[in-house]
C-alpha atoms as a PDB file:
ATOM      1  CA  MET A   1       0.000   0.000   0.000  1.00  0.00           C
ATOM      2  CA  LYS A   2       2.813   2.391   0.813  1.00  0.00           C
ATOM      3  CA  GLY A   3       4.003   1.768  -2.734  1.00  0.00           C
ATOM      4  CA  TRP A   4       0.698   3.048  -4.053  1.00  0.00           C
ATOM      5  CA  PHE A   5       1.030   6.247  -2.016  1.00  0.00           C
ATOM      6  CA  LEU A   6       4.578   6.694  -3.317  1.00  0.00           C
ATOM      7  CA  GLU A   7       3.293   6.221  -6.865  1.00  0.00           C
ATOM      8  CA  GLN A   8       0.696   8.911  -6.193  1.00  0.00           C
ATOM      9  CA  ALA A   9       3.374  11.238  -4.808  1.00  0.00           C
ATOM     10  CA  ARG A  10       5.510  10.787  -7.923  1.00  0.00           C
ATOM     11  CA  ALA A  11       2.474  11.547 -10.085  1.00  0.00           C
ATOM     12  CA  ALA A  12       1.814  14.711  -8.071  1.00  0.00           C
ATOM     13  CA  ARG A  13       5.379  15.922  -8.588  1.00  0.00           C
ATOM     14  CA  SER A  14       5.379  15.136 -12.298  1.00  0.00           C
ATOM     15  CA  ASP A  15       2.047  16.586 -13.371  1.00  0.00           C
ATOM     16  CA  GLY A  16       0.867  18.713 -10.473  1.00  0.00           C
ATOM     17  CA  ALA A  17      -2.430  16.807 -10.218  1.00  0.00           C
ATOM     18  CA  GLY A  18      -2.242  13.097 -11.021  1.00  0.00           C
ATOM     19  CA  GLY A  19      -4.018  10.453  -9.056  1.00  0.00           C
ATOM     20  CA  ARG A  20      -7.109   8.447  -9.734  1.00  0.00           C
ATOM     21  CA  GLU A  21     -10.583   8.393  -8.292  1.00  0.00           C
ATOM     22  CA  THR A  22      -9.991   5.060  -6.630  1.00  0.00           C
ATOM     23  CA  GLY A  23      -6.764   3.191  -6.188  1.00  0.00           C
ATOM     24  CA  THR A  24      -6.168  -0.515  -6.172  1.00  0.00           C
ATOM     25  CA  VAL A  25      -3.459  -1.137  -3.663  1.00  0.00           C
ATOM     26  CA  ASP A  26      -1.650  -4.264  -2.590  1.00  0.00           C
ATOM     27  CA  ALA A  27      -1.470  -4.849   1.157  1.00  0.00           C
ATOM     28  CA  GLY A  28       1.736  -6.809   0.604  1.00  0.00           C
ATOM     29  CA  VAL A  29       3.557  -4.227  -1.516  1.00  0.00           C
ATOM     30  CA  ASP A  30       6.447  -2.543   0.219  1.00  0.00           C
ATOM     31  CA  ALA A  31       7.822   0.915  -0.539  1.00  0.00           C
ATOM     32  CA  ALA A  32      10.265  -0.606  -3.035  1.00  0.00           C
ATOM     33  CA  GLY A  33       7.392  -2.115  -4.988  1.00  0.00           C
ATOM     34  CA  GLY A  34       8.073  -5.772  -4.202  1.00  0.00           C
ATOM     35  CA  ASN A  35       5.333  -8.320  -3.570  1.00  0.00           C
ATOM     36  CA  ASP A  36       5.127 -11.045  -0.986  1.00  0.00           C
ATOM     37  CA  SER A  37       3.079 -14.209  -1.110  1.00  0.00           C
ATOM     38  CA  LYS A  38       0.349 -12.727   1.095  1.00  0.00           C
ATOM     39  CA  SER A  39      -0.407  -9.805  -1.202  1.00  0.00           C
ATOM     40  CA  ARG A  40      -4.085  -8.909  -1.406  1.00  0.00           C
ATOM     41  CA  ASN A  41      -5.732  -6.229  -3.481  1.00  0.00           C
ATOM     42  CA  TYR A  42      -7.816  -3.557  -1.802  1.00  0.00           C
ATOM     43  CA  THR A  43      -9.567  -0.603  -3.281  1.00  0.00           C
ATOM     44  CA  LEU A  44      -9.468   2.658  -1.374  1.00  0.00           C
ATOM     45  CA  ASN A  45     -12.030   5.263  -2.337  1.00  0.00           C
ATOM     46  CA  TYR A  46      -9.439   7.986  -1.965  1.00  0.00           C
ATOM     47  CA  LYS A  47      -7.939  10.418  -4.426  1.00  0.00           C
ATOM     48  CA  PRO A  48      -5.134  12.177  -2.566  1.00  0.00           C
ATOM     49  CA  VAL A  49      -4.380  15.746  -3.546  1.00  0.00           C
ATOM     50  CA  PRO A  50      -0.713  16.759  -3.964  1.00  0.00           C
ATOM     51  CA  LYS A  51      -0.239  17.835  -0.320  1.00  0.00           C
ATOM     52  CA  GLN A  52      -1.764  14.564   0.895  1.00  0.00           C
ATOM     53  CA  ARG A  53       0.546  12.629  -1.427  1.00  0.00           C
ATOM     54  CA  GLN A  54       3.541  14.458   0.023  1.00  0.00           C
ATOM     55  CA  PHE A  55       2.375  13.538   3.523  1.00  0.00           C
ATOM     56  CA  HIS A  56       1.998   9.850   2.608  1.00  0.00           C
ATOM     57  CA  ALA A  57       5.340   9.707   0.790  1.00  0.00           C
ATOM     58  CA  SER A  58       7.388  11.263   3.575  1.00  0.00           C
ATOM     59  CA  PRO A  59       9.825   8.871   5.276  1.00  0.00           C
ATOM     60  CA  ALA A  60      10.022  11.110   8.383  1.00  0.00           C
ATOM     61  CA  LYS A  61       9.288   9.597  11.786  1.00  0.00           C
ATOM     62  CA  TYR A  62       7.216  12.644  12.753  1.00  0.00           C
ATOM     63  CA  ARG A  63       5.136  14.152   9.981  1.00  0.00           C
ATOM     64  CA  LEU A  64       3.155  17.379  10.314  1.00  0.00           C
ATOM     65  CA  PHE A  65       0.453  18.432   7.893  1.00  0.00           C
ATOM     66  CA  GLY A  66      -0.773  21.954   8.483  1.00  0.00           C
ATOM     67  CA  GLY A  67      -2.877  24.550   6.804  1.00  0.00           C
ATOM     68  CA  ALA A  68      -6.310  26.085   6.748  1.00  0.00           C
ATOM     69  CA  ALA A  69      -9.518  24.085   6.888  1.00  0.00           C
ATOM     70  CA  GLY A  70     -10.180  22.051   3.783  1.00  0.00           C
ATOM     71  CA  PRO A  71      -6.957  20.520   2.408  1.00  0.00           C
ATOM     72  CA  GLY A  72      -7.800  17.051   3.738  1.00  0.00           C
ATOM     73  CA  LYS A  73      -5.497  16.737   6.733  1.00  0.00           C
ATOM     74  CA  SER A  74      -7.843  14.485   8.734  1.00  0.00           C
ATOM     75  CA  LYS A  75      -8.648  12.315   5.737  1.00  0.00           C
ATOM     76  CA  ALA A  76      -4.939  11.875   4.943  1.00  0.00           C
ATOM     77  CA  LEU A  77      -4.297  10.872   8.551  1.00  0.00           C
ATOM     78  CA  LEU A  78      -7.121   8.330   8.459  1.00  0.00           C
ATOM     79  CA  MET A  79      -5.949   6.816   5.176  1.00  0.00           C
ATOM     80  CA  GLU A  80      -2.380   6.645   6.464  1.00  0.00           C
ATOM     81  CA  VAL A  81      -3.536   4.604   9.460  1.00  0.00           C
ATOM     82  CA  VAL A  82      -5.517   2.307   7.143  1.00  0.00           C
ATOM     83  CA  VAL A  83      -2.352   1.687   5.132  1.00  0.00           C
ATOM     84  CA  GLN A  84      -0.200   1.172   8.226  1.00  0.00           C
ATOM     85  CA  ALA A  85      -2.700  -1.254   9.749  1.00  0.00           C
ATOM     86  CA  LEU A  86      -3.153  -3.278   6.555  1.00  0.00           C
ATOM     87  CA  ASP A  87       0.545  -3.312   5.633  1.00  0.00           C
ATOM     88  CA  HIS A  88       1.607  -4.707   9.010  1.00  0.00           C
ATOM     89  CA  PRO A  89      -0.302  -7.712  10.386  1.00  0.00           C
ATOM     90  CA  ASN A  90      -1.114  -7.916  14.102  1.00  0.00           C
ATOM     91  CA  VAL A  91      -0.127  -4.371  15.053  1.00  0.00           C
ATOM     92  CA  ASN A  92      -1.964  -1.648  16.955  1.00  0.00           C
ATOM     93  CA  THR A  93      -2.535   1.841  15.596  1.00  0.00           C
ATOM     94  CA  LEU A  94      -4.099   4.867  17.272  1.00  0.00           C
ATOM     95  CA  LEU A  95      -5.886   7.977  16.015  1.00  0.00           C
ATOM     96  CA  LEU A  96      -6.564  10.815  18.450  1.00  0.00           C
ATOM     97  CA  ARG A  97      -8.496  14.063  18.710  1.00  0.00           C
ATOM     98  CA  ARG A  98      -8.685  16.288  21.769  1.00  0.00           C
ATOM     99  CA  THR A  99     -12.414  15.763  22.521  1.00  0.00           C
ATOM    100  CA  PHE A 100     -14.989  13.113  21.706  1.00  0.00           C
ATOM    101  CA  PRO A 101     -17.238  15.505  19.716  1.00  0.00           C
ATOM    102  CA  GLU A 102     -14.214  16.425  17.566  1.00  0.00           C
ATOM    103  CA  LEU A 103     -13.384  12.731  17.097  1.00  0.00           C
ATOM    104  CA  GLU A 104     -16.975  11.899  16.176  1.00  0.00           C
ATOM    105  CA  GLY A 105     -17.258  14.818  13.739  1.00  0.00           C
ATOM    106  CA  SER A 106     -14.047  14.118  11.856  1.00  0.00           C
ATOM    107  CA  LEU A 107     -12.099  10.858  12.033  1.00  0.00           C
ATOM    108  CA  LEU A 108     -15.002   8.572  12.965  1.00  0.00           C
ATOM    109  CA  HIS A 109     -17.239  10.254  10.391  1.00  0.00           C
ATOM    110  CA  TYR A 110     -14.639   9.770   7.646  1.00  0.00           C
ATOM    111  CA  PHE A 111     -14.008   6.185   8.726  1.00  0.00           C
ATOM    112  CA  ARG A 112     -17.695   5.241   8.544  1.00  0.00           C
ATOM    113  CA  ARG A 113     -18.139   7.032   5.231  1.00  0.00           C
ATOM    114  CA  ASP A 114     -14.909   6.300   3.371  1.00  0.00           C
ATOM    115  CA  VAL A 115     -13.384   3.003   4.502  1.00  0.00           C
ATOM    116  CA  ALA A 116     -14.798  -0.005   2.662  1.00  0.00           C
ATOM    117  CA  ARG A 117     -16.447  -2.563   4.919  1.00  0.00           C
ATOM    118  CA  GLU A 118     -14.552  -5.473   3.334  1.00  0.00           C
ATOM    119  CA  LEU A 119     -11.257  -4.045   4.648  1.00  0.00           C
ATOM    120  CA  TYR A 120     -12.098  -4.786   8.274  1.00  0.00           C
ATOM    121  CA  VAL A 121     -13.605  -7.617  10.301  1.00  0.00           C
ATOM    122  CA  ALA A 122     -15.444  -5.499  12.853  1.00  0.00           C
ATOM    123  CA  PHE A 123     -15.878  -1.995  14.178  1.00  0.00           C
ATOM    124  CA  HIS A 124     -16.754  -1.943  17.870  1.00  0.00           C
ATOM    125  CA  GLU A 125     -18.759   1.267  18.368  1.00  0.00           C
ATOM    126  CA  SER A 126     -18.538   1.217  22.171  1.00  0.00           C
ATOM    127  CA  LYS A 127     -14.736   0.840  22.153  1.00  0.00           C
ATOM    128  CA  HIS A 128     -14.127   2.850  18.959  1.00  0.00           C
ATOM    129  CA  LEU A 129     -11.937  -0.021  17.823  1.00  0.00           C
ATOM    130  CA  VAL A 130     -11.445  -1.427  14.316  1.00  0.00           C
ATOM    131  CA  GLU A 131     -10.309  -5.013  13.813  1.00  0.00           C
ATOM    132  CA  TRP A 132      -8.660  -5.313  10.395  1.00  0.00           C
ATOM    133  CA  THR A 133      -8.659  -8.446   8.235  1.00  0.00           C
ATOM    134  CA  ASN A 134      -4.991  -9.161   9.023  1.00  0.00           C
ATOM    135  CA  GLY A 135      -5.305  -9.041  12.813  1.00  0.00           C
ATOM    136  CA  SER A 136      -4.252  -5.416  13.245  1.00  0.00           C
ATOM    137  CA  THR A 137      -6.351  -2.939  15.204  1.00  0.00           C
ATOM    138  CA  THR A 138      -7.004   0.791  15.122  1.00  0.00           C
ATOM    139  CA  ARG A 139      -8.306   2.595  18.185  1.00  0.00           C
ATOM    140  CA  PHE A 140     -10.012   5.979  17.856  1.00  0.00           C
ATOM    141  CA  GLY A 141      -9.466   7.957  21.045  1.00  0.00           C
ATOM    142  CA  TYR A 142      -9.515  11.377  22.625  1.00  0.00           C
ATOM    143  CA  CYS A 143      -7.717  13.225  25.408  1.00  0.00           C
ATOM    144  CA  ALA A 144     -10.184  15.721  26.856  1.00  0.00           C
ATOM    145  CA  SER A 145      -8.338  16.047  30.170  1.00  0.00           C
ATOM    146  CA  GLU A 146      -4.638  16.266  30.839  1.00  0.00           C
ATOM    147  CA  HIS A 147      -4.519  12.737  32.231  1.00  0.00           C
ATOM    148  CA  ASP A 148      -6.492  10.992  29.465  1.00  0.00           C
ATOM    149  CA  VAL A 149      -3.245  10.201  27.640  1.00  0.00           C
ATOM    150  CA  TYR A 150      -2.427   7.581  30.275  1.00  0.00           C
ATOM    151  CA  GLN A 151      -5.169   5.279  29.013  1.00  0.00           C
ATOM    152  CA  TYR A 152      -3.019   4.671  25.915  1.00  0.00           C
ATOM    153  CA  GLN A 153       0.206   3.707  27.722  1.00  0.00           C
ATOM    154  CA  ARG A 154      -0.610  -0.013  28.026  1.00  0.00           C
ATOM    155  CA  ALA A 155      -0.432  -0.857  24.325  1.00  0.00           C
ATOM    156  CA  GLU A 156       2.432  -0.622  21.884  1.00  0.00           C
ATOM    157  CA  TYR A 157       1.460   1.313  18.767  1.00  0.00           C
ATOM    158  CA  LEU A 158       3.101   1.089  15.368  1.00  0.00           C
ATOM    159  CA  PHE A 159       1.475   4.368  14.351  1.00  0.00           C
ATOM    160  CA  ILE A 160      -0.069   7.188  16.398  1.00  0.00           C
ATOM    161  CA  GLY A 161      -1.898   9.859  14.436  1.00  0.00           C
ATOM    162  CA  ILE A 162      -2.815  13.047  16.287  1.00  0.00           C
ATOM    163  CA  ASP A 163      -5.376  15.185  14.494  1.00  0.00           C
ATOM    164  CA  GLU A 164      -5.175  18.895  15.358  1.00  0.00           C
ATOM    165  CA  LEU A 165      -1.967  18.545  17.360  1.00  0.00           C
ATOM    166  CA  THR A 166      -2.075  22.215  18.421  1.00  0.00           C
ATOM    167  CA  LEU A 167      -5.167  21.504  20.559  1.00  0.00           C
ATOM    168  CA  PHE A 168      -3.190  19.062  22.735  1.00  0.00           C
ATOM    169  CA  THR A 169      -1.149  20.337  25.670  1.00  0.00           C
ATOM    170  CA  LEU A 170       2.634  20.173  25.575  1.00  0.00           C
ATOM    171  CA  ARG A 171       2.576  17.482  28.262  1.00  0.00           C
ATOM    172  CA  GLN A 172       0.139  15.343  26.244  1.00  0.00           C
ATOM    173  CA  ARG A 173       2.222  15.729  23.072  1.00  0.00           C
ATOM    174  CA  GLN A 174       5.400  14.775  24.898  1.00  0.00           C
ATOM    175  CA  PHE A 175       3.810  11.713  26.467  1.00  0.00           C
ATOM    176  CA  LEU A 176       2.313  10.487  23.192  1.00  0.00           C
ATOM    177  CA  THR A 177       5.555  10.862  21.255  1.00  0.00           C
ATOM    178  CA  SER A 178       7.861   9.349  23.875  1.00  0.00           C
END
């Protein structure tokens, strides 16, 4: 899947627009474009714009995606976690907003609307937890109070996506990135 995002990033650099309405991506394709024997095709209903492609293609450990409302920051973050979860079997991923209403109005809304049902086994509404077809999980969470970050310290996460990082306190940001 990461290979597909890299392909999209190259297209964005070469023609300024590029992309396709939907992309068929291989869960077993690595960034170098190689396949493994467990490769499965998935279709994401996602046409990343150039800034989203740059975000997906970045090899940086910490990636920031800023700007005014509208360029698709939350959607890019959601799709990145989908890719991370499907590319790596049996891992945990985490997506956070500062409050539950913000989480419900953005990341959870986009998940319900834009992520194909065949990509995951179950979505547990009460836990805000996705079980992916390869055994990975994604938890949708929030940190309304200063101490809410501690509920995420028990699990090891391959990927933590923080939507609207500037709304989190310095202490929360430091804890989540340590």
